[in-house]
Amino acid sequence: MKNKKNLLIGLFIALTALTLNACSQYKPTENDLPIETLTELKAAFPKAAYVELTDTATYAVKNASGKVIGSVLLSSPLTDNIKGFNGPVPLQIALDNDGKIIEVRLLDNHETPNFLKRVTDANFHKSWDGLTVEEALRKEVDAVSGATYSSNGIQKTLKARLEAMQ
């Protein structure tokens, strides 16, 4: 019995040492992202290796050598008060280092799938691609017919999130 107890204590100490060593070498990875997948992030940033939280809902996107190659803005929680048809329409907004929008991605939400299909089929979310933050804030995009609440919610969310960074 004493040998089993000593073995368990030895295993506990070894596992603790391994855990502490792993934690001391910790580097943020794609698993830390509060966004859907690294594959989706890599669509906007092919050289992305990891991200670092820079404020409440902003991440610096870094390459393998640690150089910042862009940023990702999350609309939530800053814009959770803005609603589409069935609630908030959270967004992920990717910006390059020049402050131009690379991609706007709709995140998990409670909008009706058929309405969102109309929005995505109309490429509504691409309306701001290539624009600076200032240009995007000035741009008015017509709502998608048959998905007015959802598309207006997306546009208001995008603008409110971009305004929050200024």
N, C-alpha and C. Protein backbone atom coordinates (compact mmCIF):
# COMPACT_ATOMS: atom_id res chain seq x y z
N MET A 1 0.82 -1.19 0.00
CA MET A 1 0.00 0.00 0.00
C MET A 1 0.86 1.26 0.00
N LYS A 2 1.97 1.20 0.82
CA LYS A 2 2.87 2.34 0.91
C LYS A 2 3.54 2.60 -0.43
N ASN A 3 3.88 1.55 -1.18
CA ASN A 3 4.51 1.71 -2.49
C ASN A 3 3.55 2.38 -3.49
N LYS A 4 2.27 2.02 -3.44
CA LYS A 4 1.27 2.64 -4.33
C LYS A 4 1.13 4.12 -4.00
N LYS A 5 1.13 4.44 -2.71
CA LYS A 5 1.01 5.83 -2.29
C LYS A 5 2.22 6.63 -2.77
N ASN A 6 3.41 6.07 -2.62
CA ASN A 6 4.62 6.75 -3.08
C ASN A 6 4.62 6.91 -4.60
N LEU A 7 4.13 5.90 -5.30
CA LEU A 7 4.04 5.97 -6.75
C LEU A 7 3.09 7.09 -7.18
N LEU A 8 1.94 7.18 -6.52
CA LEU A 8 0.97 8.24 -6.83
C LEU A 8 1.55 9.62 -6.54
N ILE A 9 2.24 9.76 -5.44
CA ILE A 9 2.86 11.04 -5.11
C ILE A 9 3.91 11.39 -6.15
N GLY A 10 4.70 10.41 -6.56
CA GLY A 10 5.72 10.64 -7.59
C GLY A 10 5.11 11.06 -8.92
N LEU A 11 4.02 10.39 -9.31
CA LEU A 11 3.32 10.76 -10.55
C LEU A 11 2.75 12.17 -10.46
N PHE A 12 2.18 12.49 -9.31
CA PHE A 12 1.62 13.83 -9.11
C PHE A 12 2.70 14.90 -9.26
N ILE A 13 3.84 14.67 -8.65
CA ILE A 13 4.95 15.63 -8.73
C ILE A 13 5.44 15.76 -10.17
N ALA A 14 5.57 14.64 -10.87
CA ALA A 14 6.02 14.66 -12.27
C ALA A 14 5.04 15.41 -13.15
N LEU A 15 3.76 15.13 -12.98
CA LEU A 15 2.74 15.82 -13.79
C LEU A 15 2.71 17.31 -13.48
N THR A 16 2.86 17.67 -12.21
CA THR A 16 2.90 19.08 -11.84
C THR A 16 4.09 19.78 -12.49
N ALA A 17 5.24 19.13 -12.47
CA ALA A 17 6.44 19.71 -13.09
C ALA A 17 6.24 19.88 -14.60
N LEU A 18 5.67 18.89 -15.25
CA LEU A 18 5.40 18.99 -16.69
C LEU A 18 4.43 20.12 -17.00
N THR A 19 3.39 20.25 -16.18
CA THR A 19 2.40 21.30 -16.39
C THR A 19 3.03 22.68 -16.22
N LEU A 20 3.81 22.85 -15.17
CA LEU A 20 4.48 24.13 -14.94
C LEU A 20 5.43 24.48 -16.08
N ASN A 21 6.15 23.50 -16.58
CA ASN A 21 7.06 23.72 -17.70
C ASN A 21 6.28 24.13 -18.94
N ALA A 22 5.19 23.45 -19.21
CA ALA A 22 4.37 23.77 -20.39
C ALA A 22 3.80 25.17 -20.26
N CYS A 23 3.35 25.55 -19.08
CA CYS A 23 2.78 26.88 -18.87
C CYS A 23 3.82 27.97 -19.04
N SER A 24 5.06 27.71 -18.63
CA SER A 24 6.10 28.73 -18.76
C SER A 24 6.49 28.94 -20.21
N GLN A 25 6.22 27.97 -21.08
CA GLN A 25 6.53 28.10 -22.50
C GLN A 25 5.30 28.42 -23.33
N TYR A 26 4.23 28.84 -22.66
CA TYR A 26 2.95 29.08 -23.33
C TYR A 26 3.06 30.20 -24.34
N LYS A 27 2.48 29.96 -25.50
CA LYS A 27 2.34 30.96 -26.55
C LYS A 27 0.93 30.83 -27.07
N PRO A 28 0.18 31.94 -27.21
CA PRO A 28 -1.19 31.82 -27.68
C PRO A 28 -1.26 31.10 -29.03
N THR A 29 -2.28 30.31 -29.22
CA THR A 29 -2.45 29.58 -30.47
C THR A 29 -3.85 29.81 -30.99
N GLU A 30 -4.11 29.20 -32.14
CA GLU A 30 -5.44 29.31 -32.74
C GLU A 30 -6.52 28.78 -31.80
N ASN A 31 -6.16 27.90 -30.88
CA ASN A 31 -7.16 27.36 -29.95
C ASN A 31 -7.64 28.40 -28.96
N ASP A 32 -6.92 29.51 -28.84
CA ASP A 32 -7.31 30.57 -27.93
C ASP A 32 -8.30 31.54 -28.57
N LEU A 33 -8.50 31.40 -29.85
CA LEU A 33 -9.34 32.34 -30.57
C LEU A 33 -10.82 32.19 -30.20
N PRO A 34 -11.48 33.30 -29.94
CA PRO A 34 -12.92 33.23 -29.73
C PRO A 34 -13.64 33.40 -31.06
N ILE A 35 -13.01 32.99 -32.13
CA ILE A 35 -13.62 33.03 -33.45
C ILE A 35 -13.77 31.61 -33.93
N GLU A 36 -14.48 31.43 -35.00
CA GLU A 36 -14.92 30.09 -35.38
C GLU A 36 -13.79 29.08 -35.60
N THR A 37 -12.85 29.35 -36.48
CA THR A 37 -11.75 28.40 -36.71
C THR A 37 -10.54 29.12 -37.25
N LEU A 38 -9.36 28.49 -37.08
CA LEU A 38 -8.16 29.07 -37.67
C LEU A 38 -8.26 29.08 -39.18
N THR A 39 -8.93 28.11 -39.76
CA THR A 39 -9.10 28.08 -41.21
C THR A 39 -9.78 29.35 -41.69
N GLU A 40 -10.80 29.79 -40.98
CA GLU A 40 -11.49 31.02 -41.36
C GLU A 40 -10.59 32.23 -41.19
N LEU A 41 -9.81 32.26 -40.12
CA LEU A 41 -8.88 33.36 -39.91
C LEU A 41 -7.83 33.37 -41.01
N LYS A 42 -7.38 32.19 -41.41
CA LYS A 42 -6.36 32.10 -42.45
C LYS A 42 -6.88 32.54 -43.82
N ALA A 43 -8.18 32.56 -44.01
CA ALA A 43 -8.72 33.09 -45.26
C ALA A 43 -8.38 34.57 -45.37
N ALA A 44 -8.43 35.28 -44.26
CA ALA A 44 -8.09 36.70 -44.25
C ALA A 44 -6.59 36.93 -44.06
N PHE A 45 -5.96 36.05 -43.27
CA PHE A 45 -4.54 36.19 -42.95
C PHE A 45 -3.83 34.85 -43.17
N PRO A 46 -3.42 34.56 -44.40
CA PRO A 46 -2.80 33.27 -44.69
C PRO A 46 -1.57 32.95 -43.83
N LYS A 47 -0.86 33.98 -43.36
CA LYS A 47 0.35 33.74 -42.58
C LYS A 47 0.11 33.82 -41.07
N ALA A 48 -1.14 33.83 -40.65
CA ALA A 48 -1.45 33.92 -39.22
C ALA A 48 -0.96 32.69 -38.48
N ALA A 49 -0.29 32.92 -37.35
CA ALA A 49 0.16 31.83 -36.50
C ALA A 49 -0.58 31.85 -35.17
N TYR A 50 -0.83 33.05 -34.65
CA TYR A 50 -1.56 33.19 -33.40
C TYR A 50 -2.06 34.62 -33.26
N VAL A 51 -2.85 34.85 -32.22
CA VAL A 51 -3.38 36.18 -31.94
C VAL A 51 -3.10 36.54 -30.50
N GLU A 52 -3.12 37.84 -30.23
CA GLU A 52 -2.99 38.34 -28.86
C GLU A 52 -4.10 39.33 -28.60
N LEU A 53 -4.76 39.18 -27.49
CA LEU A 53 -5.80 40.11 -27.09
C LEU A 53 -5.16 41.46 -26.79
N THR A 54 -5.66 42.52 -27.42
CA THR A 54 -5.10 43.85 -27.17
C THR A 54 -6.06 44.74 -26.39
N ASP A 55 -7.35 44.46 -26.47
CA ASP A 55 -8.33 45.10 -25.60
C ASP A 55 -9.57 44.23 -25.56
N THR A 56 -10.65 44.75 -25.06
CA THR A 56 -11.84 43.95 -24.80
C THR A 56 -12.24 43.02 -25.93
N ALA A 57 -12.23 43.48 -27.15
CA ALA A 57 -12.69 42.66 -28.27
C ALA A 57 -11.84 42.88 -29.51
N THR A 58 -10.54 43.10 -29.31
CA THR A 58 -9.62 43.31 -30.42
C THR A 58 -8.41 42.40 -30.24
N TYR A 59 -8.05 41.73 -31.32
CA TYR A 59 -6.91 40.83 -31.31
C TYR A 59 -5.90 41.27 -32.36
N ALA A 60 -4.63 41.28 -31.98
CA ALA A 60 -3.55 41.48 -32.94
C ALA A 60 -3.25 40.12 -33.55
N VAL A 61 -3.24 40.05 -34.87
CA VAL A 61 -2.92 38.81 -35.56
C VAL A 61 -1.44 38.83 -35.86
N LYS A 62 -0.74 37.75 -35.48
CA LYS A 62 0.71 37.71 -35.63
C LYS A 62 1.13 36.50 -36.46
N ASN A 63 2.24 36.68 -37.17
CA ASN A 63 2.81 35.56 -37.92
C ASN A 63 3.70 34.74 -36.98
N ALA A 64 4.32 33.72 -37.50
CA ALA A 64 5.12 32.81 -36.68
C ALA A 64 6.28 33.49 -35.98
N SER A 65 6.79 34.57 -36.56
CA SER A 65 7.91 35.28 -35.92
C SER A 65 7.44 36.36 -34.95
N GLY A 66 6.13 36.50 -34.79
CA GLY A 66 5.58 37.46 -33.82
C GLY A 66 5.28 38.83 -34.38
N LYS A 67 5.45 39.01 -35.68
CA LYS A 67 5.16 40.31 -36.30
C LYS A 67 3.65 40.46 -36.49
N VAL A 68 3.12 41.64 -36.13
CA VAL A 68 1.70 41.92 -36.32
C VAL A 68 1.41 42.06 -37.81
N ILE A 69 0.45 41.27 -38.29
CA ILE A 69 0.10 41.31 -39.71
C ILE A 69 -1.33 41.81 -39.93
N GLY A 70 -2.01 42.17 -38.86
CA GLY A 70 -3.36 42.71 -38.97
C GLY A 70 -4.05 42.63 -37.63
N SER A 71 -5.35 42.85 -37.65
CA SER A 71 -6.12 42.76 -36.42
C SER A 71 -7.51 42.21 -36.71
N VAL A 72 -8.09 41.67 -35.66
CA VAL A 72 -9.45 41.14 -35.73
C VAL A 72 -10.27 41.84 -34.65
N LEU A 73 -11.37 42.43 -35.09
CA LEU A 73 -12.30 43.07 -34.16
C LEU A 73 -13.50 42.16 -34.00
N LEU A 74 -13.89 41.92 -32.77
CA LEU A 74 -15.13 41.21 -32.51
C LEU A 74 -16.16 42.22 -32.07
N SER A 75 -17.37 42.10 -32.57
CA SER A 75 -18.39 43.06 -32.20
C SER A 75 -18.92 42.83 -30.79
N SER A 76 -18.96 41.58 -30.37
CA SER A 76 -19.47 41.26 -29.05
C SER A 76 -18.34 41.38 -28.03
N PRO A 77 -18.58 41.92 -26.90
CA PRO A 77 -19.85 42.32 -26.28
C PRO A 77 -20.23 43.77 -26.54
N LEU A 78 -19.39 44.51 -27.26
CA LEU A 78 -19.60 45.95 -27.43
C LEU A 78 -20.90 46.32 -28.12
N THR A 79 -21.40 45.45 -28.99
CA THR A 79 -22.59 45.80 -29.77
C THR A 79 -23.76 44.86 -29.53
N ASP A 80 -23.73 44.15 -28.43
CA ASP A 80 -24.79 43.15 -28.17
C ASP A 80 -26.18 43.77 -28.03
N ASN A 81 -26.25 45.07 -27.85
CA ASN A 81 -27.55 45.75 -27.76
C ASN A 81 -28.19 46.00 -29.12
N ILE A 82 -27.43 45.82 -30.20
CA ILE A 82 -27.95 46.02 -31.55
C ILE A 82 -28.54 44.70 -32.03
N LYS A 83 -29.76 44.77 -32.54
CA LYS A 83 -30.47 43.54 -32.91
C LYS A 83 -30.73 43.46 -34.41
N GLY A 84 -30.75 42.21 -34.87
CA GLY A 84 -31.25 41.90 -36.20
C GLY A 84 -32.72 41.56 -36.02
N PHE A 85 -33.16 40.46 -36.61
CA PHE A 85 -34.55 40.04 -36.45
C PHE A 85 -34.75 39.27 -35.14
N ASN A 86 -33.80 38.37 -34.83
CA ASN A 86 -33.92 37.51 -33.64
C ASN A 86 -32.84 37.75 -32.60
N GLY A 87 -32.26 38.92 -32.57
CA GLY A 87 -31.23 39.20 -31.57
C GLY A 87 -29.98 39.78 -32.19
N PRO A 88 -28.91 39.84 -31.40
CA PRO A 88 -27.65 40.40 -31.91
C PRO A 88 -27.11 39.61 -33.11
N VAL A 89 -26.38 40.30 -33.96
CA VAL A 89 -25.73 39.66 -35.10
C VAL A 89 -24.22 39.92 -34.97
N PRO A 90 -23.55 39.10 -34.16
CA PRO A 90 -22.13 39.32 -33.90
C PRO A 90 -21.27 39.15 -35.14
N LEU A 91 -20.26 40.00 -35.23
CA LEU A 91 -19.37 40.01 -36.39
C LEU A 91 -17.91 39.86 -35.96
N GLN A 92 -17.14 39.36 -36.90
CA GLN A 92 -15.68 39.36 -36.82
C GLN A 92 -15.22 40.22 -37.99
N ILE A 93 -14.46 41.26 -37.71
CA ILE A 93 -14.00 42.18 -38.74
C ILE A 93 -12.47 42.10 -38.80
N ALA A 94 -11.95 41.70 -39.94
CA ALA A 94 -10.50 41.58 -40.12
C ALA A 94 -9.98 42.84 -40.81
N LEU A 95 -8.93 43.42 -40.23
CA LEU A 95 -8.31 44.63 -40.79
C LEU A 95 -6.84 44.36 -41.09
N ASP A 96 -6.34 44.90 -42.20
CA ASP A 96 -4.91 44.79 -42.47
C ASP A 96 -4.17 45.87 -41.68
N ASN A 97 -2.87 45.91 -41.81
CA ASN A 97 -2.07 46.89 -41.05
C ASN A 97 -2.29 48.32 -41.51
N ASP A 98 -2.90 48.50 -42.68
CA ASP A 98 -3.21 49.85 -43.15
C ASP A 98 -4.59 50.30 -42.71
N GLY A 99 -5.28 49.47 -41.94
CA GLY A 99 -6.60 49.83 -41.44
C GLY A 99 -7.71 49.60 -42.45
N LYS A 100 -7.44 48.79 -43.47
CA LYS A 100 -8.47 48.46 -44.46
C LYS A 100 -9.15 47.16 -44.08
N ILE A 101 -10.43 47.10 -44.34
CA ILE A 101 -11.20 45.90 -44.03
C ILE A 101 -10.88 44.82 -45.05
N ILE A 102 -10.45 43.68 -44.54
CA ILE A 102 -10.16 42.52 -45.39
C ILE A 102 -11.41 41.66 -45.51
N GLU A 103 -12.11 41.53 -44.38
CA GLU A 103 -13.23 40.60 -44.36
C GLU A 103 -14.16 40.93 -43.20
N VAL A 104 -15.45 40.78 -43.46
CA VAL A 104 -16.47 40.85 -42.42
C VAL A 104 -17.13 39.48 -42.39
N ARG A 105 -17.12 38.85 -41.24
CA ARG A 105 -17.68 37.51 -41.10
C ARG A 105 -18.76 37.53 -40.03
N LEU A 106 -19.89 36.96 -40.37
CA LEU A 106 -20.99 36.82 -39.42
C LEU A 106 -20.71 35.61 -38.54
N LEU A 107 -20.78 35.81 -37.22
CA LEU A 107 -20.54 34.72 -36.27
C LEU A 107 -21.87 34.10 -35.85
N ASP A 108 -21.79 33.07 -35.02
CA ASP A 108 -23.00 32.37 -34.55
C ASP A 108 -24.03 33.35 -34.01
N ASN A 109 -25.28 33.12 -34.40
CA ASN A 109 -26.36 34.03 -34.02
C ASN A 109 -27.68 33.27 -34.04
N HIS A 110 -28.75 33.99 -33.77
CA HIS A 110 -30.07 33.37 -33.74
C HIS A 110 -30.98 33.85 -34.87
N GLU A 111 -30.39 34.40 -35.91
CA GLU A 111 -31.18 34.85 -37.05
C GLU A 111 -31.75 33.64 -37.79
N THR A 112 -32.85 33.85 -38.47
CA THR A 112 -33.48 32.80 -39.24
C THR A 112 -32.56 32.41 -40.41
N PRO A 113 -32.19 31.14 -40.53
CA PRO A 113 -31.25 30.72 -41.58
C PRO A 113 -31.66 31.17 -42.99
N ASN A 114 -32.93 31.13 -43.31
CA ASN A 114 -33.35 31.54 -44.66
C ASN A 114 -33.08 33.02 -44.91
N PHE A 115 -33.24 33.84 -43.88
CA PHE A 115 -32.95 35.27 -44.04
C PHE A 115 -31.44 35.49 -44.20
N LEU A 116 -30.67 34.79 -43.42
CA LEU A 116 -29.22 34.94 -43.52
C LEU A 116 -28.69 34.43 -44.85
N LYS A 117 -29.32 33.41 -45.40
CA LYS A 117 -28.91 32.91 -46.71
C LYS A 117 -29.09 34.01 -47.76
N ARG A 118 -30.18 34.75 -47.66
CA ARG A 118 -30.39 35.87 -48.59
C ARG A 118 -29.28 36.91 -48.45
N VAL A 119 -28.90 37.18 -47.20
CA VAL A 119 -27.85 38.17 -46.93
C VAL A 119 -26.52 37.69 -47.51
N THR A 120 -26.16 36.44 -47.25
CA THR A 120 -24.88 35.93 -47.75
C THR A 120 -24.90 35.75 -49.27
N ASP A 121 -26.03 35.30 -49.82
CA ASP A 121 -26.13 35.16 -51.27
C ASP A 121 -25.97 36.50 -51.98
N ALA A 122 -26.39 37.57 -51.31
CA ALA A 122 -26.27 38.91 -51.89
C ALA A 122 -24.88 39.51 -51.63
N ASN A 123 -23.99 38.74 -50.96
CA ASN A 123 -22.65 39.22 -50.60
C ASN A 123 -22.69 40.52 -49.81
N PHE A 124 -23.72 40.67 -49.01
CA PHE A 124 -23.90 41.89 -48.21
C PHE A 124 -22.68 42.16 -47.33
N HIS A 125 -22.16 41.13 -46.71
CA HIS A 125 -21.03 41.27 -45.79
C HIS A 125 -19.74 41.70 -46.50
N LYS A 126 -19.70 41.58 -47.82
CA LYS A 126 -18.52 41.99 -48.59
C LYS A 126 -18.60 43.47 -49.01
N SER A 127 -19.67 44.13 -48.65
CA SER A 127 -19.87 45.52 -49.05
C SER A 127 -18.78 46.47 -48.55
N TRP A 128 -18.08 46.08 -47.49
CA TRP A 128 -17.08 46.95 -46.89
C TRP A 128 -15.65 46.49 -47.15
N ASP A 129 -15.48 45.38 -47.87
CA ASP A 129 -14.14 44.88 -48.16
C ASP A 129 -13.31 45.94 -48.90
N GLY A 130 -12.07 46.13 -48.44
CA GLY A 130 -11.16 47.07 -49.08
C GLY A 130 -11.30 48.51 -48.63
N LEU A 131 -12.30 48.79 -47.80
CA LEU A 131 -12.51 50.16 -47.33
C LEU A 131 -11.73 50.40 -46.04
N THR A 132 -11.32 51.65 -45.85
CA THR A 132 -10.75 52.03 -44.56
C THR A 132 -11.89 52.12 -43.56
N VAL A 133 -11.54 52.21 -42.30
CA VAL A 133 -12.55 52.35 -41.26
C VAL A 133 -13.40 53.58 -41.51
N GLU A 134 -12.76 54.69 -41.85
CA GLU A 134 -13.49 55.94 -42.10
C GLU A 134 -14.45 55.80 -43.28
N GLU A 135 -13.98 55.16 -44.35
CA GLU A 135 -14.85 54.95 -45.53
C GLU A 135 -16.02 54.04 -45.18
N ALA A 136 -15.76 53.00 -44.42
CA ALA A 136 -16.82 52.06 -44.03
C ALA A 136 -17.87 52.75 -43.16
N LEU A 137 -17.43 53.64 -42.29
CA LEU A 137 -18.38 54.35 -41.44
C LEU A 137 -19.30 55.27 -42.25
N ARG A 138 -18.80 55.79 -43.35
CA ARG A 138 -19.62 56.69 -44.19
C ARG A 138 -20.50 55.93 -45.18
N LYS A 139 -20.14 54.70 -45.50
CA LYS A 139 -20.86 53.96 -46.54
C LYS A 139 -22.22 53.47 -46.05
N GLU A 140 -23.23 53.76 -46.83
CA GLU A 140 -24.58 53.26 -46.56
C GLU A 140 -24.87 52.15 -47.58
N VAL A 141 -25.21 50.99 -47.09
CA VAL A 141 -25.49 49.85 -47.95
C VAL A 141 -26.97 49.54 -47.86
N ASP A 142 -27.62 49.37 -49.00
CA ASP A 142 -29.04 49.03 -49.01
C ASP A 142 -29.27 47.67 -48.37
N ALA A 143 -30.33 47.59 -47.57
CA ALA A 143 -30.69 46.33 -46.94
C ALA A 143 -31.08 45.31 -48.00
N VAL A 144 -30.89 44.05 -47.67
CA VAL A 144 -31.25 42.97 -48.58
C VAL A 144 -32.75 42.75 -48.49
N SER A 145 -33.41 42.78 -49.65
CA SER A 145 -34.85 42.56 -49.70
C SER A 145 -35.19 41.18 -49.14
N GLY A 146 -36.15 41.15 -48.24
CA GLY A 146 -36.56 39.89 -47.62
C GLY A 146 -35.74 39.55 -46.39
N ALA A 147 -34.72 40.34 -46.10
CA ALA A 147 -33.90 40.14 -44.90
C ALA A 147 -33.48 41.50 -44.35
N THR A 148 -34.43 42.41 -44.34
CA THR A 148 -34.16 43.79 -43.96
C THR A 148 -33.64 43.91 -42.53
N TYR A 149 -34.31 43.28 -41.57
CA TYR A 149 -33.89 43.39 -40.17
C TYR A 149 -32.48 42.83 -39.98
N SER A 150 -32.23 41.67 -40.57
CA SER A 150 -30.91 41.04 -40.43
C SER A 150 -29.83 41.90 -41.06
N SER A 151 -30.03 42.36 -42.28
CA SER A 151 -29.00 43.15 -42.95
C SER A 151 -28.81 44.50 -42.28
N ASN A 152 -29.88 45.13 -41.81
CA ASN A 152 -29.73 46.39 -41.08
C ASN A 152 -28.99 46.17 -39.76
N GLY A 153 -29.28 45.05 -39.11
CA GLY A 153 -28.58 44.72 -37.87
C GLY A 153 -27.09 44.53 -38.10
N ILE A 154 -26.74 43.88 -39.19
CA ILE A 154 -25.33 43.67 -39.54
C ILE A 154 -24.65 45.01 -39.78
N GLN A 155 -25.29 45.87 -40.57
CA GLN A 155 -24.70 47.18 -40.89
C GLN A 155 -24.54 48.03 -39.63
N LYS A 156 -25.55 48.06 -38.77
CA LYS A 156 -25.46 48.85 -37.53
C LYS A 156 -24.39 48.28 -36.59
N THR A 157 -24.30 46.96 -36.53
CA THR A 157 -23.29 46.32 -35.69
C THR A 157 -21.89 46.68 -36.18
N LEU A 158 -21.68 46.56 -37.48
CA LEU A 158 -20.38 46.88 -38.06
C LEU A 158 -19.99 48.32 -37.75
N LYS A 159 -20.88 49.24 -37.98
CA LYS A 159 -20.57 50.66 -37.77
C LYS A 159 -20.33 50.96 -36.29
N ALA A 160 -21.13 50.38 -35.42
CA ALA A 160 -20.95 50.63 -33.99
C ALA A 160 -19.60 50.07 -33.52
N ARG A 161 -19.21 48.90 -34.03
CA ARG A 161 -17.92 48.34 -33.62
C ARG A 161 -16.76 49.16 -34.14
N LEU A 162 -16.87 49.63 -35.39
CA LEU A 162 -15.80 50.46 -35.94
C LEU A 162 -15.71 51.81 -35.20
N GLU A 163 -16.86 52.37 -34.86
CA GLU A 163 -16.87 53.63 -34.10
C GLU A 163 -16.21 53.44 -32.73
N ALA A 164 -16.39 52.29 -32.13
CA ALA A 164 -15.84 52.02 -30.79
C ALA A 164 -14.32 52.00 -30.79
N MET A 165 -13.71 51.74 -31.94
CA MET A 165 -12.26 51.69 -31.99
C MET A 165 -11.63 53.07 -32.20
N GLN A 166 -12.46 54.07 -32.47
CA GLN A 166 -11.90 55.41 -32.73
C GLN A 166 -11.83 56.25 -31.49
